Amino acid sequence: MGNADSTIFVPLTTAQQRLFGTKYLSNIALSVTTTEMIDTAKDTIEKTLLAHFKISSPDDANFTVASQADVVTTINDIT
């Protein structure tokens, strides 16, 4: 996370309203301790969001859960 002297923590709603002027999240960055945990973490996050937003099918989700490898693959496919 970096040097404690150069790190700040801001409550989510304060950041949304005062810093970004939004009422929603556009992205969330997470990390896992080992690469072996990436797929499990992605699955858990997707299931949690689907349940929270009461979305019955992943095809109906209005969000994407992607790893760095997924993003790199997408970029490589585009370029």
C-alpha atoms as a PDB file:
ATOM      1  CA  MET A   1       0.000   0.000   0.000  1.00  0.00           C
ATOM      2  CA  GLY A   2       2.971   2.304   0.122  1.00  0.00           C
ATOM      3  CA  ASN A   3       4.453   4.590   2.685  1.00  0.00           C
ATOM      4  CA  ALA A   4       2.090   5.412   5.560  1.00  0.00           C
ATOM      5  CA  ASP A   5       3.151   9.071   5.299  1.00  0.00           C
ATOM      6  CA  SER A   6       1.818   9.256   1.746  1.00  0.00           C
ATOM      7  CA  THR A   7      -1.393   7.269   2.236  1.00  0.00           C
ATOM      8  CA  ILE A   8      -4.807   8.683   3.095  1.00  0.00           C
ATOM      9  CA  PHE A   9      -8.103   6.988   3.813  1.00  0.00           C
ATOM     10  CA  VAL A  10     -11.357   8.727   2.963  1.00  0.00           C
ATOM     11  CA  PRO A  11     -14.817   7.424   3.848  1.00  0.00           C
ATOM     12  CA  LEU A  12     -16.480   6.055   0.717  1.00  0.00           C
ATOM     13  CA  THR A  13     -19.490   8.367   0.714  1.00  0.00           C
ATOM     14  CA  THR A  14     -17.273  11.406   1.340  1.00  0.00           C
ATOM     15  CA  ALA A  15     -15.030  10.473  -1.590  1.00  0.00           C
ATOM     16  CA  GLN A  16     -18.020   9.859  -3.846  1.00  0.00           C
ATOM     17  CA  GLN A  17     -19.733  13.142  -3.027  1.00  0.00           C
ATOM     18  CA  ARG A  18     -16.868  15.574  -2.429  1.00  0.00           C
ATOM     19  CA  LEU A  19     -14.015  14.234  -4.534  1.00  0.00           C
ATOM     20  CA  PHE A  20     -15.717  12.572  -7.485  1.00  0.00           C
ATOM     21  CA  GLY A  21     -19.207  14.069  -7.553  1.00  0.00           C
ATOM     22  CA  THR A  22     -20.889  10.689  -8.025  1.00  0.00           C
ATOM     23  CA  LYS A  23     -23.348   8.499  -6.183  1.00  0.00           C
ATOM     24  CA  TYR A  24     -22.012   5.204  -7.511  1.00  0.00           C
ATOM     25  CA  LEU A  25     -18.777   3.241  -7.779  1.00  0.00           C
ATOM     26  CA  SER A  26     -17.199   2.897 -11.187  1.00  0.00           C
ATOM     27  CA  ASN A  27     -14.567   0.374 -10.111  1.00  0.00           C
ATOM     28  CA  ILE A  28     -13.119  -1.437  -7.133  1.00  0.00           C
ATOM     29  CA  ALA A  29      -9.545  -2.735  -7.060  1.00  0.00           C
ATOM     30  CA  LEU A  30      -8.753  -5.751  -4.904  1.00  0.00           C
ATOM     31  CA  SER A  31      -5.721  -7.939  -4.398  1.00  0.00           C
ATOM     32  CA  VAL A  32      -5.148 -11.539  -3.371  1.00  0.00           C
ATOM     33  CA  THR A  33      -2.140 -12.986  -1.594  1.00  0.00           C
ATOM     34  CA  THR A  34      -1.368 -15.643  -4.222  1.00  0.00           C
ATOM     35  CA  THR A  35      -2.149 -15.998  -7.915  1.00  0.00           C
ATOM     36  CA  GLU A  36      -3.825 -19.320  -7.187  1.00  0.00           C
ATOM     37  CA  MET A  37      -6.592 -17.394  -5.411  1.00  0.00           C
ATOM     38  CA  ILE A  38      -7.523 -15.190  -8.381  1.00  0.00           C
ATOM     39  CA  ASP A  39     -10.236 -17.384  -9.915  1.00  0.00           C
ATOM     40  CA  THR A  40     -11.777 -18.174  -6.530  1.00  0.00           C
ATOM     41  CA  ALA A  41     -11.779 -14.490  -5.606  1.00  0.00           C
ATOM     42  CA  LYS A  42     -13.387 -13.525  -8.934  1.00  0.00           C
ATOM     43  CA  ASP A  43     -16.106 -16.156  -8.484  1.00  0.00           C
ATOM     44  CA  THR A  44     -16.787 -15.109  -4.897  1.00  0.00           C
ATOM     45  CA  ILE A  45     -16.958 -11.422  -5.809  1.00  0.00           C
ATOM     46  CA  GLU A  46     -19.301 -12.088  -8.733  1.00  0.00           C
ATOM     47  CA  LYS A  47     -21.617 -14.287  -6.633  1.00  0.00           C
ATOM     48  CA  THR A  48     -21.637 -11.711  -3.832  1.00  0.00           C
ATOM     49  CA  LEU A  49     -22.536  -8.858  -6.191  1.00  0.00           C
ATOM     50  CA  LEU A  50     -25.209 -10.915  -7.954  1.00  0.00           C
ATOM     51  CA  ALA A  51     -26.798 -11.777  -4.610  1.00  0.00           C
ATOM     52  CA  HIS A  52     -26.523  -8.219  -3.267  1.00  0.00           C
ATOM     53  CA  PHE A  53     -28.186  -6.703  -6.326  1.00  0.00           C
ATOM     54  CA  LYS A  54     -30.687  -9.583  -6.601  1.00  0.00           C
ATOM     55  CA  ILE A  55     -29.565 -10.520 -10.114  1.00  0.00           C
ATOM     56  CA  SER A  56     -30.537 -14.102 -10.884  1.00  0.00           C
ATOM     57  CA  SER A  57     -28.365 -14.665 -13.960  1.00  0.00           C
ATOM     58  CA  PRO A  58     -24.762 -13.560 -14.548  1.00  0.00           C
ATOM     59  CA  ASP A  59     -25.863 -12.709 -18.107  1.00  0.00           C
ATOM     60  CA  ASP A  60     -28.080  -9.956 -16.647  1.00  0.00           C
ATOM     61  CA  ALA A  61     -25.297  -8.398 -14.546  1.00  0.00           C
ATOM     62  CA  ASN A  62     -24.550  -4.716 -15.040  1.00  0.00           C
ATOM     63  CA  PHE A  63     -20.988  -5.158 -13.796  1.00  0.00           C
ATOM     64  CA  THR A  64     -17.823  -6.978 -14.822  1.00  0.00           C
ATOM     65  CA  VAL A  65     -15.353  -8.798 -12.588  1.00  0.00           C
ATOM     66  CA  ALA A  66     -11.959  -9.016 -14.308  1.00  0.00           C
ATOM     67  CA  SER A  67      -8.402  -9.866 -13.368  1.00  0.00           C
ATOM     68  CA  GLN A  68      -5.324  -8.088 -14.695  1.00  0.00           C
ATOM     69  CA  ALA A  69      -4.812 -11.040 -17.029  1.00  0.00           C
ATOM     70  CA  ASP A  70      -8.367 -10.589 -18.355  1.00  0.00           C
ATOM     71  CA  VAL A  71      -7.708  -6.902 -19.027  1.00  0.00           C
ATOM     72  CA  VAL A  72      -4.387  -7.631 -20.764  1.00  0.00           C
ATOM     73  CA  THR A  73      -6.082 -10.236 -22.964  1.00  0.00           C
ATOM     74  CA  THR A  74      -8.784  -7.754 -23.930  1.00  0.00           C
ATOM     75  CA  ILE A  75      -6.223  -5.076 -24.771  1.00  0.00           C
ATOM     76  CA  ASN A  76      -4.200  -7.529 -26.843  1.00  0.00           C
ATOM     77  CA  ASP A  77      -7.346  -8.577 -28.704  1.00  0.00           C
ATOM     78  CA  ILE A  78      -8.108  -4.944 -29.537  1.00  0.00           C
ATOM     79  CA  THR A  79      -4.638  -3.936 -30.696  1.00  0.00           C
END
